[in-house]
Amino acid sequence: MSLTAGPMRLVLASNNAKKLAELRALLGGLPLDIVTQGSLGIAEADEPFHSFIENALAKARHAAAASGGSALADDSGLCVAALGGAPGVISAHFAGELPVLPGEDREARRRRQDAANNAELLARLAGLADRRAHFISTLVAVRHADDPEPLVAVGRWPGLILTAAQGEQGFGYDPLMFIPELGATVAELPADLKNQHSHRARSAALLRAMLVDAWYLGDRPLEP
């Protein structure tokens, strides 16, 4: 017996179609209707904080307040041990946010930004023996904007930063992130294998359990 009469609408505090598809798949089977905030005309929230959890919570509360319902946010990045956790929340713009070039589309700009970020990371690690790092995904779900009990799930995917890029798949820091247990960089992994092991897959698995236990979603029976 389910405690919900029908699917719960969960507003994703992102307009990223790939992230929407990934989270729909990872949370599939639960009575959820996950939609992007952009589809509801909700503007993106500011992310002024220095931690993933604070930014994810701010984004989730913003989407919940604007939609009048439940919301889910993800804040992800790369943390490198020798750099004190950097690039952290500025992973997407570690080398500084690059200006848009005339006639440049979004994908071309992203590739140029990725290349600059990777070059910055390699420069900062030059000569350092400690190459330990992990990708991190922090998922936060709230039932409403003032929810006193946000669900917080953190997934980490550890690896080592190489001295040169390997692989053509993925994006961002994937070509530099070597996963010892898989014997390859993230950019060398097939998409399905990456999605099985990724930091977001790990955080989503934790969140899924909490959605069942704390929000009473799914088919968990009522106790007498």
N, C-alpha and C. Protein backbone atom coordinates (compact mmCIF):
# COMPACT_ATOMS: atom_id res chain seq x y z
N MET A 1 0.85 -1.20 0.00
CA MET A 1 0.00 0.00 0.00
C MET A 1 0.88 1.24 0.00
N SER A 2 0.58 2.16 -0.90
CA SER A 2 1.36 3.39 -0.99
C SER A 2 0.68 4.49 -0.20
N LEU A 3 1.47 5.41 0.34
CA LEU A 3 0.91 6.53 1.08
C LEU A 3 0.58 7.70 0.17
N THR A 4 0.85 7.59 -1.12
CA THR A 4 0.56 8.67 -2.04
C THR A 4 -0.53 8.24 -2.99
N ALA A 5 -1.47 9.18 -3.31
CA ALA A 5 -2.59 8.87 -4.18
C ALA A 5 -2.17 8.84 -5.63
N GLY A 6 -1.09 9.51 -5.97
CA GLY A 6 -0.62 9.59 -7.34
C GLY A 6 0.79 10.13 -7.36
N PRO A 7 1.38 10.28 -8.54
CA PRO A 7 2.75 10.78 -8.63
C PRO A 7 2.89 12.17 -8.01
N MET A 8 3.95 12.37 -7.29
CA MET A 8 4.28 13.68 -6.73
C MET A 8 5.10 14.46 -7.74
N ARG A 9 4.71 15.68 -8.02
CA ARG A 9 5.52 16.51 -8.91
C ARG A 9 6.74 17.00 -8.13
N LEU A 10 7.91 16.78 -8.71
CA LEU A 10 9.17 17.18 -8.09
C LEU A 10 9.89 18.08 -9.10
N VAL A 11 10.05 19.34 -8.73
CA VAL A 11 10.64 20.31 -9.64
C VAL A 11 12.17 20.26 -9.51
N LEU A 12 12.84 19.95 -10.60
CA LEU A 12 14.30 19.91 -10.62
C LEU A 12 14.83 21.32 -10.81
N ALA A 13 15.65 21.76 -9.87
CA ALA A 13 16.21 23.12 -9.91
C ALA A 13 17.36 23.17 -10.90
N SER A 14 17.03 22.89 -12.16
CA SER A 14 18.00 22.89 -13.24
C SER A 14 17.24 22.91 -14.55
N ASN A 15 17.91 23.38 -15.61
CA ASN A 15 17.33 23.32 -16.95
C ASN A 15 18.14 22.38 -17.83
N ASN A 16 18.96 21.54 -17.20
CA ASN A 16 19.84 20.63 -17.92
C ASN A 16 19.06 19.37 -18.31
N ALA A 17 18.83 19.20 -19.61
CA ALA A 17 18.02 18.06 -20.09
C ALA A 17 18.69 16.72 -19.77
N LYS A 18 20.02 16.67 -19.85
CA LYS A 18 20.73 15.43 -19.57
C LYS A 18 20.61 15.06 -18.09
N LYS A 19 20.70 16.05 -17.22
CA LYS A 19 20.56 15.79 -15.79
C LYS A 19 19.14 15.33 -15.47
N LEU A 20 18.14 15.93 -16.13
CA LEU A 20 16.75 15.53 -15.93
C LEU A 20 16.57 14.06 -16.33
N ALA A 21 17.07 13.69 -17.50
CA ALA A 21 16.93 12.31 -17.96
C ALA A 21 17.63 11.33 -17.03
N GLU A 22 18.82 11.72 -16.56
CA GLU A 22 19.58 10.84 -15.68
C GLU A 22 18.86 10.62 -14.36
N LEU A 23 18.33 11.69 -13.77
CA LEU A 23 17.65 11.56 -12.48
C LEU A 23 16.32 10.84 -12.62
N ARG A 24 15.64 11.05 -13.73
CA ARG A 24 14.40 10.29 -13.96
C ARG A 24 14.69 8.80 -14.01
N ALA A 25 15.80 8.43 -14.65
CA ALA A 25 16.17 7.02 -14.73
C ALA A 25 16.60 6.48 -13.37
N LEU A 26 17.41 7.24 -12.64
CA LEU A 26 17.94 6.79 -11.35
C LEU A 26 16.85 6.67 -10.29
N LEU A 27 15.81 7.50 -10.40
CA LEU A 27 14.72 7.47 -9.43
C LEU A 27 13.47 6.80 -10.02
N GLY A 28 13.64 6.13 -11.14
CA GLY A 28 12.52 5.46 -11.80
C GLY A 28 11.88 4.41 -10.91
N GLY A 29 10.57 4.28 -11.04
CA GLY A 29 9.83 3.33 -10.22
C GLY A 29 9.17 3.96 -9.02
N LEU A 30 9.65 5.13 -8.62
CA LEU A 30 9.00 5.86 -7.53
C LEU A 30 7.87 6.71 -8.13
N PRO A 31 6.83 6.98 -7.35
CA PRO A 31 5.71 7.77 -7.87
C PRO A 31 6.06 9.26 -7.93
N LEU A 32 6.95 9.60 -8.87
CA LEU A 32 7.43 10.97 -9.02
C LEU A 32 7.25 11.42 -10.47
N ASP A 33 6.89 12.67 -10.63
CA ASP A 33 6.85 13.32 -11.93
C ASP A 33 7.88 14.45 -11.87
N ILE A 34 9.10 14.18 -12.36
CA ILE A 34 10.18 15.15 -12.25
C ILE A 34 10.17 16.06 -13.48
N VAL A 35 10.09 17.37 -13.25
CA VAL A 35 10.06 18.36 -14.33
C VAL A 35 11.11 19.42 -14.03
N THR A 36 11.61 20.08 -15.06
CA THR A 36 12.60 21.14 -14.85
C THR A 36 11.91 22.44 -14.42
N GLN A 37 12.65 23.25 -13.70
CA GLN A 37 12.09 24.54 -13.30
C GLN A 37 11.85 25.44 -14.52
N GLY A 38 12.67 25.28 -15.54
CA GLY A 38 12.49 26.09 -16.74
C GLY A 38 11.16 25.84 -17.43
N SER A 39 10.68 24.59 -17.37
CA SER A 39 9.40 24.27 -18.00
C SER A 39 8.24 24.96 -17.30
N LEU A 40 8.50 25.43 -16.08
CA LEU A 40 7.47 26.15 -15.31
C LEU A 40 7.73 27.65 -15.29
N GLY A 41 8.74 28.09 -16.05
CA GLY A 41 9.06 29.52 -16.11
C GLY A 41 9.78 30.04 -14.88
N ILE A 42 10.44 29.16 -14.15
CA ILE A 42 11.15 29.55 -12.92
C ILE A 42 12.60 29.87 -13.25
N ALA A 43 13.05 31.04 -12.85
CA ALA A 43 14.42 31.46 -13.10
C ALA A 43 15.39 30.69 -12.20
N GLU A 44 16.65 30.60 -12.63
CA GLU A 44 17.66 29.91 -11.83
C GLU A 44 18.00 30.73 -10.58
N ALA A 45 18.31 30.01 -9.51
CA ALA A 45 18.65 30.66 -8.25
C ALA A 45 20.13 31.06 -8.23
N ASP A 46 20.45 32.02 -7.38
CA ASP A 46 21.85 32.37 -7.15
C ASP A 46 22.52 31.22 -6.39
N GLU A 47 23.83 31.09 -6.59
CA GLU A 47 24.62 30.07 -5.89
C GLU A 47 25.83 30.75 -5.25
N PRO A 48 25.60 31.51 -4.18
CA PRO A 48 26.68 32.33 -3.63
C PRO A 48 27.55 31.65 -2.58
N PHE A 49 27.25 30.40 -2.26
CA PHE A 49 27.92 29.77 -1.12
C PHE A 49 29.19 29.02 -1.51
N HIS A 50 29.96 28.64 -0.48
CA HIS A 50 31.24 27.97 -0.70
C HIS A 50 31.14 26.45 -0.57
N SER A 51 29.95 25.94 -0.26
CA SER A 51 29.79 24.49 -0.12
C SER A 51 28.68 23.98 -1.03
N PHE A 52 28.81 22.72 -1.44
CA PHE A 52 27.81 22.10 -2.31
C PHE A 52 26.45 22.04 -1.63
N ILE A 53 26.45 21.69 -0.35
CA ILE A 53 25.17 21.51 0.34
C ILE A 53 24.41 22.82 0.47
N GLU A 54 25.12 23.91 0.74
CA GLU A 54 24.42 25.20 0.87
C GLU A 54 23.84 25.64 -0.47
N ASN A 55 24.60 25.47 -1.54
CA ASN A 55 24.09 25.86 -2.85
C ASN A 55 22.92 24.97 -3.28
N ALA A 56 23.03 23.67 -3.04
CA ALA A 56 21.94 22.77 -3.42
C ALA A 56 20.67 23.09 -2.63
N LEU A 57 20.83 23.37 -1.34
CA LEU A 57 19.66 23.70 -0.52
C LEU A 57 19.02 25.01 -0.98
N ALA A 58 19.85 25.99 -1.29
CA ALA A 58 19.33 27.28 -1.77
C ALA A 58 18.55 27.10 -3.07
N LYS A 59 19.08 26.28 -3.97
CA LYS A 59 18.40 26.04 -5.25
C LYS A 59 17.09 25.28 -5.05
N ALA A 60 17.10 24.29 -4.16
CA ALA A 60 15.89 23.51 -3.91
C ALA A 60 14.80 24.38 -3.28
N ARG A 61 15.16 25.18 -2.29
CA ARG A 61 14.16 26.04 -1.64
C ARG A 61 13.62 27.09 -2.62
N HIS A 62 14.47 27.60 -3.48
CA HIS A 62 14.03 28.59 -4.48
C HIS A 62 13.01 27.97 -5.42
N ALA A 63 13.31 26.79 -5.94
CA ALA A 63 12.39 26.13 -6.88
C ALA A 63 11.08 25.75 -6.20
N ALA A 64 11.17 25.33 -4.94
CA ALA A 64 9.96 24.97 -4.19
C ALA A 64 9.09 26.19 -3.94
N ALA A 65 9.72 27.31 -3.57
CA ALA A 65 8.95 28.53 -3.31
C ALA A 65 8.27 29.03 -4.58
N ALA A 66 8.99 28.98 -5.70
CA ALA A 66 8.43 29.49 -6.95
C ALA A 66 7.35 28.58 -7.52
N SER A 67 7.45 27.28 -7.25
CA SER A 67 6.48 26.34 -7.80
C SER A 67 5.34 26.03 -6.84
N GLY A 68 5.54 26.33 -5.56
CA GLY A 68 4.53 26.02 -4.57
C GLY A 68 4.45 24.55 -4.23
N GLY A 69 5.53 23.81 -4.46
CA GLY A 69 5.51 22.37 -4.19
C GLY A 69 6.87 21.83 -3.83
N SER A 70 7.11 20.58 -4.16
CA SER A 70 8.35 19.90 -3.82
C SER A 70 9.42 20.16 -4.88
N ALA A 71 10.69 20.10 -4.45
CA ALA A 71 11.77 20.39 -5.39
C ALA A 71 13.00 19.56 -5.07
N LEU A 72 13.84 19.41 -6.08
CA LEU A 72 15.08 18.64 -5.99
C LEU A 72 16.19 19.45 -6.65
N ALA A 73 17.34 19.51 -5.99
CA ALA A 73 18.49 20.22 -6.56
C ALA A 73 19.74 19.38 -6.43
N ASP A 74 20.64 19.59 -7.37
CA ASP A 74 21.93 18.90 -7.37
C ASP A 74 23.03 19.93 -7.49
N ASP A 75 24.08 19.79 -6.69
CA ASP A 75 25.26 20.61 -6.86
C ASP A 75 26.45 19.66 -6.91
N SER A 76 27.20 19.72 -7.99
CA SER A 76 28.25 18.74 -8.23
C SER A 76 29.55 19.41 -8.61
N GLY A 77 30.64 18.65 -8.47
CA GLY A 77 31.93 19.19 -8.87
C GLY A 77 33.05 18.23 -8.58
N LEU A 78 34.26 18.75 -8.64
CA LEU A 78 35.47 17.98 -8.40
C LEU A 78 36.20 18.57 -7.19
N CYS A 79 36.64 17.70 -6.30
CA CYS A 79 37.43 18.12 -5.14
C CYS A 79 38.77 17.39 -5.17
N VAL A 80 39.84 18.15 -5.09
CA VAL A 80 41.20 17.60 -5.17
C VAL A 80 41.88 17.77 -3.82
N ALA A 81 42.40 16.67 -3.28
CA ALA A 81 42.96 16.67 -1.93
C ALA A 81 44.10 17.67 -1.78
N ALA A 82 45.03 17.67 -2.71
CA ALA A 82 46.21 18.53 -2.60
C ALA A 82 45.88 20.01 -2.75
N LEU A 83 44.68 20.32 -3.24
CA LEU A 83 44.26 21.72 -3.42
C LEU A 83 43.24 22.14 -2.38
N GLY A 84 43.16 21.39 -1.28
CA GLY A 84 42.24 21.75 -0.21
C GLY A 84 40.78 21.66 -0.60
N GLY A 85 40.48 20.79 -1.56
CA GLY A 85 39.09 20.62 -1.99
C GLY A 85 38.74 21.39 -3.24
N ALA A 86 39.62 22.25 -3.72
CA ALA A 86 39.38 22.97 -4.98
C ALA A 86 39.42 21.96 -6.14
N PRO A 87 38.75 22.27 -7.24
CA PRO A 87 38.00 23.49 -7.53
C PRO A 87 36.65 23.61 -6.83
N GLY A 88 36.12 22.53 -6.29
CA GLY A 88 34.90 22.61 -5.48
C GLY A 88 33.72 23.20 -6.23
N VAL A 89 33.05 24.16 -5.59
CA VAL A 89 31.81 24.70 -6.17
C VAL A 89 32.06 25.55 -7.42
N ILE A 90 33.32 25.90 -7.70
CA ILE A 90 33.60 26.64 -8.93
C ILE A 90 34.19 25.72 -10.00
N SER A 91 33.91 24.43 -9.90
CA SER A 91 34.46 23.46 -10.84
C SER A 91 34.16 23.82 -12.30
N ALA A 92 32.98 24.33 -12.55
CA ALA A 92 32.58 24.62 -13.94
C ALA A 92 33.33 25.81 -14.52
N HIS A 93 33.90 26.66 -13.64
CA HIS A 93 34.60 27.86 -14.12
C HIS A 93 35.90 28.05 -13.35
N PHE A 94 36.64 26.97 -13.18
CA PHE A 94 37.87 27.00 -12.39
C PHE A 94 38.90 27.97 -12.97
N ALA A 95 38.93 28.08 -14.29
CA ALA A 95 39.89 28.96 -14.95
C ALA A 95 39.33 30.36 -15.15
N GLY A 96 38.19 30.65 -14.53
CA GLY A 96 37.50 31.91 -14.76
C GLY A 96 36.49 31.72 -15.88
N GLU A 97 35.37 32.39 -15.79
CA GLU A 97 34.32 32.22 -16.79
C GLU A 97 34.73 32.88 -18.09
N LEU A 98 34.80 32.11 -19.15
CA LEU A 98 35.25 32.62 -20.44
C LEU A 98 34.14 33.39 -21.14
N PRO A 99 34.50 34.46 -21.85
CA PRO A 99 33.48 35.21 -22.59
C PRO A 99 33.03 34.43 -23.82
N VAL A 100 31.84 34.73 -24.27
CA VAL A 100 31.31 34.10 -25.49
C VAL A 100 31.95 34.76 -26.70
N LEU A 101 32.46 33.95 -27.62
CA LEU A 101 33.06 34.47 -28.84
C LEU A 101 31.98 34.69 -29.90
N PRO A 102 32.19 35.62 -30.80
CA PRO A 102 31.20 35.86 -31.87
C PRO A 102 30.89 34.59 -32.65
N GLY A 103 29.62 34.27 -32.77
CA GLY A 103 29.19 33.10 -33.52
C GLY A 103 29.38 31.78 -32.82
N GLU A 104 29.82 31.80 -31.58
CA GLU A 104 30.09 30.57 -30.84
C GLU A 104 28.81 30.03 -30.21
N ASP A 105 28.54 28.73 -30.42
CA ASP A 105 27.35 28.16 -29.80
C ASP A 105 27.70 27.65 -28.39
N ARG A 106 26.68 27.22 -27.68
CA ARG A 106 26.85 26.83 -26.27
C ARG A 106 27.80 25.64 -26.12
N GLU A 107 27.70 24.67 -27.03
CA GLU A 107 28.53 23.48 -26.93
C GLU A 107 30.01 23.81 -27.18
N ALA A 108 30.26 24.67 -28.13
CA ALA A 108 31.64 25.07 -28.42
C ALA A 108 32.25 25.83 -27.25
N ARG A 109 31.45 26.67 -26.66
CA ARG A 109 31.94 27.41 -25.50
C ARG A 109 32.23 26.47 -24.33
N ARG A 110 31.36 25.46 -24.14
CA ARG A 110 31.57 24.52 -23.06
C ARG A 110 32.88 23.76 -23.25
N ARG A 111 33.15 23.33 -24.49
CA ARG A 111 34.40 22.62 -24.76
C ARG A 111 35.61 23.51 -24.48
N ARG A 112 35.52 24.77 -24.85
CA ARG A 112 36.63 25.70 -24.62
C ARG A 112 36.82 25.94 -23.13
N GLN A 113 35.70 26.04 -22.39
CA GLN A 113 35.78 26.22 -20.94
C GLN A 113 36.38 24.98 -20.28
N ASP A 114 35.95 23.80 -20.72
CA ASP A 114 36.49 22.55 -20.18
C ASP A 114 38.01 22.48 -20.37
N ALA A 115 38.46 22.84 -21.55
CA ALA A 115 39.89 22.80 -21.84
C ALA A 115 40.66 23.76 -20.94
N ALA A 116 40.11 24.94 -20.73
CA ALA A 116 40.77 25.92 -19.86
C ALA A 116 40.79 25.44 -18.42
N ASN A 117 39.69 24.84 -17.96
CA ASN A 117 39.63 24.32 -16.59
C ASN A 117 40.64 23.19 -16.38
N ASN A 118 40.73 22.29 -17.35
CA ASN A 118 41.68 21.18 -17.25
C ASN A 118 43.12 21.68 -17.22
N ALA A 119 43.41 22.68 -18.05
CA ALA A 119 44.75 23.25 -18.08
C ALA A 119 45.08 23.91 -16.74
N GLU A 120 44.11 24.59 -16.16
CA GLU A 120 44.31 25.22 -14.85
C GLU A 120 44.57 24.18 -13.77
N LEU A 121 43.81 23.08 -13.81
CA LEU A 121 43.99 22.02 -12.82
C LEU A 121 45.39 21.40 -12.93
N LEU A 122 45.82 21.11 -14.15
CA LEU A 122 47.14 20.51 -14.35
C LEU A 122 48.25 21.47 -13.90
N ALA A 123 48.06 22.75 -14.15
CA ALA A 123 49.07 23.73 -13.73
C ALA A 123 49.17 23.79 -12.20
N ARG A 124 48.03 23.73 -11.53
CA ARG A 124 48.03 23.80 -10.06
C ARG A 124 48.65 22.54 -9.44
N LEU A 125 48.54 21.41 -10.14
CA LEU A 125 49.05 20.15 -9.61
C LEU A 125 50.46 19.82 -10.09
N ALA A 126 51.02 20.67 -10.92
CA ALA A 126 52.35 20.41 -11.47
C ALA A 126 53.37 20.18 -10.35
N GLY A 127 54.06 19.05 -10.43
CA GLY A 127 55.09 18.74 -9.46
C GLY A 127 54.60 18.14 -8.16
N LEU A 128 53.31 17.98 -8.00
CA LEU A 128 52.75 17.43 -6.76
C LEU A 128 52.54 15.92 -6.91
N ALA A 129 52.95 15.18 -5.90
CA ALA A 129 52.80 13.72 -5.95
C ALA A 129 51.40 13.26 -5.59
N ASP A 130 50.71 14.00 -4.74
CA ASP A 130 49.37 13.62 -4.29
C ASP A 130 48.36 14.00 -5.37
N ARG A 131 47.81 13.02 -6.07
CA ARG A 131 46.85 13.26 -7.15
C ARG A 131 45.46 12.78 -6.79
N ARG A 132 45.20 12.52 -5.51
CA ARG A 132 43.89 12.01 -5.09
C ARG A 132 42.80 13.07 -5.28
N ALA A 133 41.65 12.60 -5.73
CA ALA A 133 40.52 13.50 -5.96
C ALA A 133 39.23 12.70 -5.95
N HIS A 134 38.11 13.40 -5.92
CA HIS A 134 36.83 12.73 -6.09
C HIS A 134 35.81 13.68 -6.70
N PHE A 135 34.97 13.11 -7.55
CA PHE A 135 33.78 13.82 -8.00
C PHE A 135 32.76 13.72 -6.87
N ILE A 136 31.96 14.78 -6.70
CA ILE A 136 30.95 14.78 -5.65
C ILE A 136 29.62 15.27 -6.21
N SER A 137 28.55 14.63 -5.79
CA SER A 137 27.20 15.06 -6.14
C SER A 137 26.40 15.18 -4.85
N THR A 138 25.87 16.36 -4.60
CA THR A 138 25.03 16.58 -3.42
C THR A 138 23.60 16.85 -3.89
N LEU A 139 22.71 15.93 -3.58
CA LEU A 139 21.29 16.07 -3.92
C LEU A 139 20.51 16.49 -2.69
N VAL A 140 19.67 17.49 -2.85
CA VAL A 140 18.81 17.96 -1.76
C VAL A 140 17.37 18.00 -2.25
N ALA A 141 16.47 17.40 -1.48
CA ALA A 141 15.05 17.40 -1.81
C ALA A 141 14.26 18.02 -0.66
N VAL A 142 13.29 18.86 -1.00
CA VAL A 142 12.43 19.48 0.00
C VAL A 142 10.98 19.28 -0.41
N ARG A 143 10.10 19.07 0.58
CA ARG A 143 8.68 18.91 0.31
C ARG A 143 8.01 20.24 0.01
N HIS A 144 8.56 21.29 0.57
CA HIS A 144 8.07 22.66 0.35
C HIS A 144 9.20 23.60 0.72
N ALA A 145 9.03 24.88 0.43
CA ALA A 145 10.12 25.84 0.59
C ALA A 145 10.63 25.93 2.03
N ASP A 146 9.76 25.72 3.01
CA ASP A 146 10.15 25.84 4.41
C ASP A 146 10.32 24.49 5.09
N ASP A 147 10.53 23.45 4.32
CA ASP A 147 10.68 22.09 4.87
C ASP A 147 11.77 22.07 5.95
N PRO A 148 11.43 21.68 7.18
CA PRO A 148 12.42 21.64 8.25
C PRO A 148 13.34 20.43 8.18
N GLU A 149 13.01 19.48 7.28
CA GLU A 149 13.79 18.25 7.19
C GLU A 149 14.18 17.97 5.74
N PRO A 150 15.07 18.79 5.17
CA PRO A 150 15.52 18.51 3.80
C PRO A 150 16.22 17.16 3.74
N LEU A 151 16.00 16.44 2.66
CA LEU A 151 16.72 15.20 2.45
C LEU A 151 18.04 15.53 1.75
N VAL A 152 19.15 15.08 2.31
CA VAL A 152 20.48 15.40 1.78
C VAL A 152 21.22 14.11 1.50
N ALA A 153 21.60 13.90 0.25
CA ALA A 153 22.32 12.69 -0.15
C ALA A 153 23.62 13.10 -0.85
N VAL A 154 24.74 12.58 -0.38
CA VAL A 154 26.04 12.93 -0.94
C VAL A 154 26.71 11.68 -1.52
N GLY A 155 27.07 11.76 -2.79
CA GLY A 155 27.77 10.66 -3.44
C GLY A 155 29.15 11.10 -3.87
N ARG A 156 30.16 10.30 -3.56
CA ARG A 156 31.54 10.61 -3.94
C ARG A 156 32.10 9.49 -4.81
N TRP A 157 32.86 9.87 -5.84
CA TRP A 157 33.47 8.91 -6.76
C TRP A 157 34.96 9.19 -6.79
N PRO A 158 35.76 8.40 -6.04
CA PRO A 158 37.18 8.70 -5.91
C PRO A 158 38.03 8.24 -7.09
N GLY A 159 39.13 8.95 -7.30
CA GLY A 159 40.06 8.59 -8.36
C GLY A 159 41.36 9.35 -8.22
N LEU A 160 42.11 9.40 -9.30
CA LEU A 160 43.41 10.08 -9.33
C LEU A 160 43.46 10.99 -10.56
N ILE A 161 44.05 12.18 -10.39
CA ILE A 161 44.20 13.10 -11.51
C ILE A 161 45.48 12.78 -12.27
N LEU A 162 45.34 12.48 -13.56
CA LEU A 162 46.49 12.16 -14.39
C LEU A 162 47.27 13.43 -14.75
N THR A 163 48.42 13.25 -15.38
CA THR A 163 49.22 14.39 -15.82
C THR A 163 48.88 14.81 -17.25
N ALA A 164 48.07 14.01 -17.93
CA ALA A 164 47.62 14.34 -19.28
C ALA A 164 46.28 13.66 -19.54
N ALA A 165 45.48 14.27 -20.41
CA ALA A 165 44.14 13.75 -20.70
C ALA A 165 44.18 12.42 -21.44
N GLN A 166 43.19 11.56 -21.14
CA GLN A 166 43.01 10.28 -21.83
C GLN A 166 41.52 10.05 -22.05
N GLY A 167 41.14 9.73 -23.28
CA GLY A 167 39.75 9.40 -23.57
C GLY A 167 39.01 10.53 -24.25
N GLU A 168 37.96 10.16 -24.97
CA GLU A 168 37.19 11.12 -25.76
C GLU A 168 35.75 11.26 -25.30
N GLN A 169 35.31 10.41 -24.35
CA GLN A 169 33.92 10.46 -23.90
C GLN A 169 33.77 11.49 -22.78
N GLY A 170 32.52 11.74 -22.40
CA GLY A 170 32.26 12.60 -21.25
C GLY A 170 32.57 14.06 -21.51
N PHE A 171 32.80 14.77 -20.44
CA PHE A 171 33.03 16.22 -20.52
C PHE A 171 33.72 16.67 -19.24
N GLY A 172 34.00 17.95 -19.14
CA GLY A 172 34.62 18.49 -17.92
C GLY A 172 35.97 17.86 -17.64
N TYR A 173 36.13 17.39 -16.41
CA TYR A 173 37.39 16.81 -15.98
C TYR A 173 37.50 15.31 -16.25
N ASP A 174 36.52 14.75 -16.94
CA ASP A 174 36.50 13.31 -17.20
C ASP A 174 37.80 12.76 -17.79
N PRO A 175 38.44 13.47 -18.75
CA PRO A 175 39.66 12.90 -19.35
C PRO A 175 40.85 12.84 -18.39
N LEU A 176 40.81 13.58 -17.30
CA LEU A 176 41.91 13.61 -16.34
C LEU A 176 41.67 12.72 -15.13
N MET A 177 40.43 12.29 -14.93
CA MET A 177 40.06 11.54 -13.73
C MET A 177 40.16 10.04 -13.98
N PHE A 178 41.18 9.42 -13.41
CA PHE A 178 41.43 7.99 -13.56
C PHE A 178 40.79 7.25 -12.39
N ILE A 179 39.99 6.22 -12.71
CA ILE A 179 39.31 5.41 -11.70
C ILE A 179 40.05 4.09 -11.56
N PRO A 180 40.87 3.91 -10.51
CA PRO A 180 41.68 2.69 -10.38
C PRO A 180 40.87 1.40 -10.45
N GLU A 181 39.71 1.36 -9.82
CA GLU A 181 38.92 0.12 -9.79
C GLU A 181 38.43 -0.29 -11.17
N LEU A 182 38.34 0.67 -12.11
CA LEU A 182 37.88 0.37 -13.46
C LEU A 182 39.03 0.38 -14.47
N GLY A 183 40.21 0.83 -14.04
CA GLY A 183 41.38 0.83 -14.90
C GLY A 183 41.27 1.77 -16.09
N ALA A 184 40.55 2.88 -15.94
CA ALA A 184 40.34 3.80 -17.05
C ALA A 184 39.97 5.18 -16.51
N THR A 185 40.13 6.18 -17.36
CA THR A 185 39.60 7.49 -17.00
C THR A 185 38.10 7.48 -17.22
N VAL A 186 37.42 8.44 -16.64
CA VAL A 186 35.97 8.55 -16.83
C VAL A 186 35.65 8.77 -18.31
N ALA A 187 36.54 9.46 -19.01
CA ALA A 187 36.33 9.73 -20.44
C ALA A 187 36.55 8.51 -21.31
N GLU A 188 37.08 7.44 -20.75
CA GLU A 188 37.27 6.19 -21.50
C GLU A 188 36.16 5.18 -21.23
N LEU A 189 35.23 5.52 -20.36
CA LEU A 189 34.17 4.58 -19.99
C LEU A 189 32.96 4.72 -20.90
N PRO A 190 32.32 3.61 -21.25
CA PRO A 190 31.03 3.70 -21.94
C PRO A 190 30.03 4.43 -21.05
N ALA A 191 29.09 5.11 -21.66
CA ALA A 191 28.14 5.92 -20.90
C ALA A 191 27.38 5.10 -19.87
N ASP A 192 26.97 3.87 -20.23
CA ASP A 192 26.19 3.08 -19.29
C ASP A 192 27.02 2.68 -18.07
N LEU A 193 28.31 2.37 -18.28
CA LEU A 193 29.18 2.01 -17.16
C LEU A 193 29.45 3.22 -16.28
N LYS A 194 29.67 4.36 -16.90
CA LYS A 194 29.87 5.60 -16.14
C LYS A 194 28.66 5.88 -15.27
N ASN A 195 27.47 5.75 -15.83
CA ASN A 195 26.25 6.06 -15.08
C ASN A 195 25.99 5.08 -13.94
N GLN A 196 26.53 3.86 -14.05
CA GLN A 196 26.37 2.90 -12.97
C GLN A 196 27.24 3.24 -11.76
N HIS A 197 28.39 3.83 -12.02
CA HIS A 197 29.37 4.06 -10.95
C HIS A 197 29.49 5.53 -10.51
N SER A 198 28.90 6.44 -11.22
CA SER A 198 29.14 7.87 -11.01
C SER A 198 28.74 8.38 -9.64
N HIS A 199 29.24 9.55 -9.31
CA HIS A 199 28.90 10.22 -8.07
C HIS A 199 27.40 10.49 -7.98
N ARG A 200 26.78 10.85 -9.12
CA ARG A 200 25.33 11.11 -9.08
C ARG A 200 24.54 9.83 -8.91
N ALA A 201 25.02 8.72 -9.48
CA ALA A 201 24.36 7.44 -9.26
C ALA A 201 24.40 7.07 -7.79
N ARG A 202 25.51 7.37 -7.13
CA ARG A 202 25.66 7.04 -5.71
C ARG A 202 24.77 7.93 -4.84
N SER A 203 24.72 9.22 -5.15
CA SER A 203 23.86 10.10 -4.34
C SER A 203 22.39 9.79 -4.59
N ALA A 204 22.05 9.45 -5.84
CA ALA A 204 20.65 9.14 -6.15
C ALA A 204 20.19 7.87 -5.45
N ALA A 205 21.08 6.88 -5.32
CA ALA A 205 20.72 5.65 -4.61
C ALA A 205 20.41 5.95 -3.15
N LEU A 206 21.20 6.82 -2.54
CA LEU A 206 20.95 7.20 -1.14
C LEU A 206 19.65 7.99 -1.03
N LEU A 207 19.45 8.92 -1.97
CA LEU A 207 18.23 9.73 -1.93
C LEU A 207 16.99 8.86 -2.13
N ARG A 208 17.09 7.90 -3.02
CA ARG A 208 15.96 7.01 -3.28
C ARG A 208 15.50 6.33 -1.99
N ALA A 209 16.44 5.83 -1.21
CA ALA A 209 16.09 5.17 0.05
C ALA A 209 15.42 6.15 1.01
N MET A 210 15.91 7.39 1.05
CA MET A 210 15.32 8.39 1.94
C MET A 210 13.93 8.82 1.49
N LEU A 211 13.70 8.87 0.19
CA LEU A 211 12.38 9.21 -0.31
C LEU A 211 11.34 8.17 0.12
N VAL A 212 11.77 6.92 0.16
CA VAL A 212 10.87 5.85 0.62
C VAL A 212 10.66 5.92 2.13
N ASP A 213 11.76 6.11 2.87
CA ASP A 213 11.68 6.07 4.33
C ASP A 213 11.09 7.34 4.94
N ALA A 214 11.46 8.50 4.42
CA ALA A 214 11.05 9.77 5.04
C ALA A 214 9.84 10.41 4.38
N TRP A 215 9.69 10.21 3.07
CA TRP A 215 8.55 10.79 2.37
C TRP A 215 7.47 9.74 2.09
N TYR A 216 7.73 8.49 2.47
CA TYR A 216 6.77 7.40 2.33
C TYR A 216 6.35 7.18 0.88
N LEU A 217 7.30 7.32 -0.03
CA LEU A 217 7.03 7.03 -1.43
C LEU A 217 7.30 5.56 -1.72
N GLY A 218 6.75 5.07 -2.80
CA GLY A 218 6.96 3.68 -3.16
C GLY A 218 5.91 2.78 -2.57
N ASP A 219 6.29 1.52 -2.38
CA ASP A 219 5.32 0.51 -1.96
C ASP A 219 5.57 0.00 -0.55
N ARG A 220 6.21 0.81 0.29
CA ARG A 220 6.43 0.36 1.66
C ARG A 220 5.10 0.26 2.38
N PRO A 221 4.77 -0.88 2.96
CA PRO A 221 3.45 -1.04 3.62
C PRO A 221 3.35 -0.24 4.89
N LEU A 222 2.12 0.13 5.21
CA LEU A 222 1.85 0.78 6.49
C LEU A 222 2.02 -0.21 7.63
N GLU A 223 2.64 0.24 8.70
CA GLU A 223 2.77 -0.60 9.88
C GLU A 223 1.51 -0.47 10.73
N PRO A 224 1.05 -1.57 11.35
CA PRO A 224 -0.15 -1.49 12.19
C PRO A 224 0.12 -0.67 13.44
